[in-house]
Amino acid sequence: MAKDNTFSGMAHNALTAETTIVGKIVSQKDIRIDGTLEGRLECQGKVVIGETGQVIGDIVAVNAEVVGRITGNVMVAEMLVLKATSSLEGDIQARRLAIEPGAVLNGKCTMLQQLDDGSDA
């Protein structure tokens, strides 16, 4: 039987452990960082910073989950989750934020308002 190569909606990118990228990453799909990124990350999906992952630079995404380390500002359109082992040194802008006990956050947090549905009062 031939393998079906159609898009399943589960496609994502990955930066594996012991890999370092210096520069800017722009992704239309989800991305997982287990290595080191020194630069800006822009993602139209979900960003996951794994336990060994480290980002030194700003992140712009729809959703994000952090288990590793970030040194930079994070702007998330929807939900940001900081797991117990995470460390974030920088400012946050997010619509929703979940912080587990043990997570380290040093910076300013701004909660974004829900956008109106377009109707005028």
C-alpha atoms as a PDB file:
ATOM      1  CA  MET A   1       0.000   0.000   0.000  1.00  0.00           C
ATOM      2  CA  ALA A   2       1.398   3.410  -0.950  1.00  0.00           C
ATOM      3  CA  LYS A   3       2.011   5.964   1.750  1.00  0.00           C
ATOM      4  CA  ASP A   4      -0.468   8.853   1.764  1.00  0.00           C
ATOM      5  CA  ASN A   5       1.508  12.107   1.559  1.00  0.00           C
ATOM      6  CA  THR A   6      -1.440  14.492   1.908  1.00  0.00           C
ATOM      7  CA  PHE A   7      -1.284  17.241   4.508  1.00  0.00           C
ATOM      8  CA  SER A   8      -2.740  16.063   7.818  1.00  0.00           C
ATOM      9  CA  GLY A   9      -2.670  19.365   9.704  1.00  0.00           C
ATOM     10  CA  MET A  10      -0.054  17.881  12.047  1.00  0.00           C
ATOM     11  CA  ALA A  11       3.030  19.231  10.230  1.00  0.00           C
ATOM     12  CA  HIS A  12       5.557  21.093  12.338  1.00  0.00           C
ATOM     13  CA  ASN A  13       9.178  22.194  12.285  1.00  0.00           C
ATOM     14  CA  ALA A  14      11.839  21.269  14.818  1.00  0.00           C
ATOM     15  CA  LEU A  15      15.215  22.553  15.958  1.00  0.00           C
ATOM     16  CA  THR A  16      16.838  19.588  17.683  1.00  0.00           C
ATOM     17  CA  ALA A  17      19.032  19.561  20.786  1.00  0.00           C
ATOM     18  CA  GLU A  18      22.711  20.437  20.309  1.00  0.00           C
ATOM     19  CA  THR A  19      21.830  22.620  17.298  1.00  0.00           C
ATOM     20  CA  THR A  20      22.264  26.403  17.288  1.00  0.00           C
ATOM     21  CA  ILE A  21      20.784  28.830  14.782  1.00  0.00           C
ATOM     22  CA  VAL A  22      21.821  32.477  14.700  1.00  0.00           C
ATOM     23  CA  GLY A  23      19.300  34.598  12.805  1.00  0.00           C
ATOM     24  CA  LYS A  24      15.574  34.959  12.252  1.00  0.00           C
ATOM     25  CA  ILE A  25      13.107  32.079  11.829  1.00  0.00           C
ATOM     26  CA  VAL A  26       9.733  32.666  10.158  1.00  0.00           C
ATOM     27  CA  SER A  27       7.337  29.698  10.144  1.00  0.00           C
ATOM     28  CA  GLN A  28       3.791  29.227   8.871  1.00  0.00           C
ATOM     29  CA  LYS A  29       3.478  25.962  10.876  1.00  0.00           C
ATOM     30  CA  ASP A  30       4.041  24.905  14.490  1.00  0.00           C
ATOM     31  CA  ILE A  31       7.655  24.764  15.618  1.00  0.00           C
ATOM     32  CA  ARG A  32       9.482  23.043  18.473  1.00  0.00           C
ATOM     33  CA  ILE A  33      12.835  24.337  19.734  1.00  0.00           C
ATOM     34  CA  ASP A  34      15.028  21.859  21.639  1.00  0.00           C
ATOM     35  CA  GLY A  35      18.292  23.513  20.595  1.00  0.00           C
ATOM     36  CA  THR A  36      19.344  27.172  20.748  1.00  0.00           C
ATOM     37  CA  LEU A  37      18.031  30.067  18.690  1.00  0.00           C
ATOM     38  CA  GLU A  38      19.870  33.377  18.874  1.00  0.00           C
ATOM     39  CA  GLY A  39      17.485  35.698  17.056  1.00  0.00           C
ATOM     40  CA  ARG A  40      13.829  36.399  16.391  1.00  0.00           C
ATOM     41  CA  LEU A  41      11.155  33.722  15.964  1.00  0.00           C
ATOM     42  CA  GLU A  42       7.884  34.498  14.139  1.00  0.00           C
ATOM     43  CA  CYS A  43       5.335  31.683  13.935  1.00  0.00           C
ATOM     44  CA  GLN A  44       1.783  31.542  12.568  1.00  0.00           C
ATOM     45  CA  GLY A  45       1.096  28.500  14.778  1.00  0.00           C
ATOM     46  CA  LYS A  46       2.242  27.154  18.133  1.00  0.00           C
ATOM     47  CA  VAL A  47       5.781  27.486  19.476  1.00  0.00           C
ATOM     48  CA  VAL A  48       7.081  24.897  21.943  1.00  0.00           C
ATOM     49  CA  ILE A  49      10.358  25.548  23.736  1.00  0.00           C
ATOM     50  CA  GLY A  50      11.447  22.121  24.979  1.00  0.00           C
ATOM     51  CA  GLU A  51      13.320  21.329  28.179  1.00  0.00           C
ATOM     52  CA  THR A  52      16.730  21.712  26.493  1.00  0.00           C
ATOM     53  CA  GLY A  53      15.499  24.592  24.312  1.00  0.00           C
ATOM     54  CA  GLN A  54      16.758  28.136  24.626  1.00  0.00           C
ATOM     55  CA  VAL A  55      15.773  31.282  22.731  1.00  0.00           C
ATOM     56  CA  ILE A  56      17.798  34.463  23.020  1.00  0.00           C
ATOM     57  CA  GLY A  57      15.587  36.930  21.194  1.00  0.00           C
ATOM     58  CA  ASP A  58      11.950  37.878  20.719  1.00  0.00           C
ATOM     59  CA  ILE A  59       9.114  35.462  19.923  1.00  0.00           C
ATOM     60  CA  VAL A  60       5.876  36.312  18.098  1.00  0.00           C
ATOM     61  CA  ALA A  61       3.330  33.466  17.817  1.00  0.00           C
ATOM     62  CA  VAL A  62      -0.328  32.515  18.048  1.00  0.00           C
ATOM     63  CA  ASN A  63       0.227  30.099  20.990  1.00  0.00           C
ATOM     64  CA  ALA A  64       3.321  29.131  22.955  1.00  0.00           C
ATOM     65  CA  GLU A  65       4.360  26.600  25.584  1.00  0.00           C
ATOM     66  CA  VAL A  66       7.676  27.055  27.389  1.00  0.00           C
ATOM     67  CA  VAL A  67       9.488  24.289  29.239  1.00  0.00           C
ATOM     68  CA  GLY A  68      13.012  25.660  28.635  1.00  0.00           C
ATOM     69  CA  ARG A  69      14.511  29.177  28.660  1.00  0.00           C
ATOM     70  CA  ILE A  70      13.731  32.450  26.901  1.00  0.00           C
ATOM     71  CA  THR A  71      15.703  35.667  27.163  1.00  0.00           C
ATOM     72  CA  GLY A  72      13.640  38.172  25.206  1.00  0.00           C
ATOM     73  CA  ASN A  73      10.127  39.481  24.770  1.00  0.00           C
ATOM     74  CA  VAL A  74       7.183  37.192  23.949  1.00  0.00           C
ATOM     75  CA  MET A  75       4.048  38.324  22.094  1.00  0.00           C
ATOM     76  CA  VAL A  76       1.341  35.650  21.838  1.00  0.00           C
ATOM     77  CA  ALA A  77      -2.042  36.318  20.224  1.00  0.00           C
ATOM     78  CA  GLU A  78      -3.815  33.620  22.241  1.00  0.00           C
ATOM     79  CA  MET A  79      -2.364  31.387  25.029  1.00  0.00           C
ATOM     80  CA  LEU A  80       1.078  31.353  26.661  1.00  0.00           C
ATOM     81  CA  VAL A  81       1.885  28.472  29.037  1.00  0.00           C
ATOM     82  CA  LEU A  82       4.946  28.606  31.307  1.00  0.00           C
ATOM     83  CA  LYS A  83       5.682  25.123  32.653  1.00  0.00           C
ATOM     84  CA  ALA A  84       7.313  24.524  36.056  1.00  0.00           C
ATOM     85  CA  THR A  85      10.847  24.204  34.616  1.00  0.00           C
ATOM     86  CA  SER A  86      10.598  27.303  32.407  1.00  0.00           C
ATOM     87  CA  SER A  87      12.516  30.552  32.733  1.00  0.00           C
ATOM     88  CA  LEU A  88      11.504  33.744  30.925  1.00  0.00           C
ATOM     89  CA  GLU A  89      13.522  36.947  31.208  1.00  0.00           C
ATOM     90  CA  GLY A  90      11.562  39.557  29.254  1.00  0.00           C
ATOM     91  CA  ASP A  91       8.200  41.189  28.743  1.00  0.00           C
ATOM     92  CA  ILE A  92       5.029  39.303  27.779  1.00  0.00           C
ATOM     93  CA  GLN A  93       1.964  40.276  25.756  1.00  0.00           C
ATOM     94  CA  ALA A  94      -0.723  37.596  25.662  1.00  0.00           C
ATOM     95  CA  ARG A  95      -4.492  37.168  25.665  1.00  0.00           C
ATOM     96  CA  ARG A  96      -4.302  34.265  28.162  1.00  0.00           C
ATOM     97  CA  LEU A  97      -1.457  33.202  30.451  1.00  0.00           C
ATOM     98  CA  ALA A  98      -0.919  30.059  32.545  1.00  0.00           C
ATOM     99  CA  ILE A  99       2.056  29.847  34.917  1.00  0.00           C
ATOM    100  CA  GLU A 100       2.832  26.618  36.773  1.00  0.00           C
ATOM    101  CA  PRO A 101       4.409  26.764  40.260  1.00  0.00           C
ATOM    102  CA  GLY A 102       8.194  26.779  39.892  1.00  0.00           C
ATOM    103  CA  ALA A 103       8.272  28.761  36.652  1.00  0.00           C
ATOM    104  CA  VAL A 104      10.491  31.852  36.635  1.00  0.00           C
ATOM    105  CA  LEU A 105       9.170  35.061  35.050  1.00  0.00           C
ATOM    106  CA  ASN A 106      11.116  38.299  35.265  1.00  0.00           C
ATOM    107  CA  GLY A 107       9.486  41.015  33.201  1.00  0.00           C
ATOM    108  CA  LYS A 108       6.320  42.969  32.596  1.00  0.00           C
ATOM    109  CA  CYS A 109       3.112  41.191  31.571  1.00  0.00           C
ATOM    110  CA  THR A 110       0.412  42.879  29.498  1.00  0.00           C
ATOM    111  CA  MET A 111      -2.855  41.017  28.985  1.00  0.00           C
ATOM    112  CA  LEU A 112      -4.403  41.707  25.571  1.00  0.00           C
ATOM    113  CA  GLN A 113      -8.114  42.410  25.380  1.00  0.00           C
ATOM    114  CA  GLN A 114     -10.502  40.157  23.467  1.00  0.00           C
ATOM    115  CA  LEU A 115     -11.205  41.720  20.073  1.00  0.00           C
ATOM    116  CA  ASP A 116     -14.735  43.000  19.451  1.00  0.00           C
ATOM    117  CA  ASP A 117     -16.948  41.074  17.027  1.00  0.00           C
ATOM    118  CA  GLY A 118     -17.213  44.193  14.839  1.00  0.00           C
ATOM    119  CA  SER A 119     -20.562  45.467  16.106  1.00  0.00           C
ATOM    120  CA  ASP A 120     -20.821  49.070  17.277  1.00  0.00           C
ATOM    121  CA  ALA A 121     -22.487  49.973  20.561  1.00  0.00           C
END
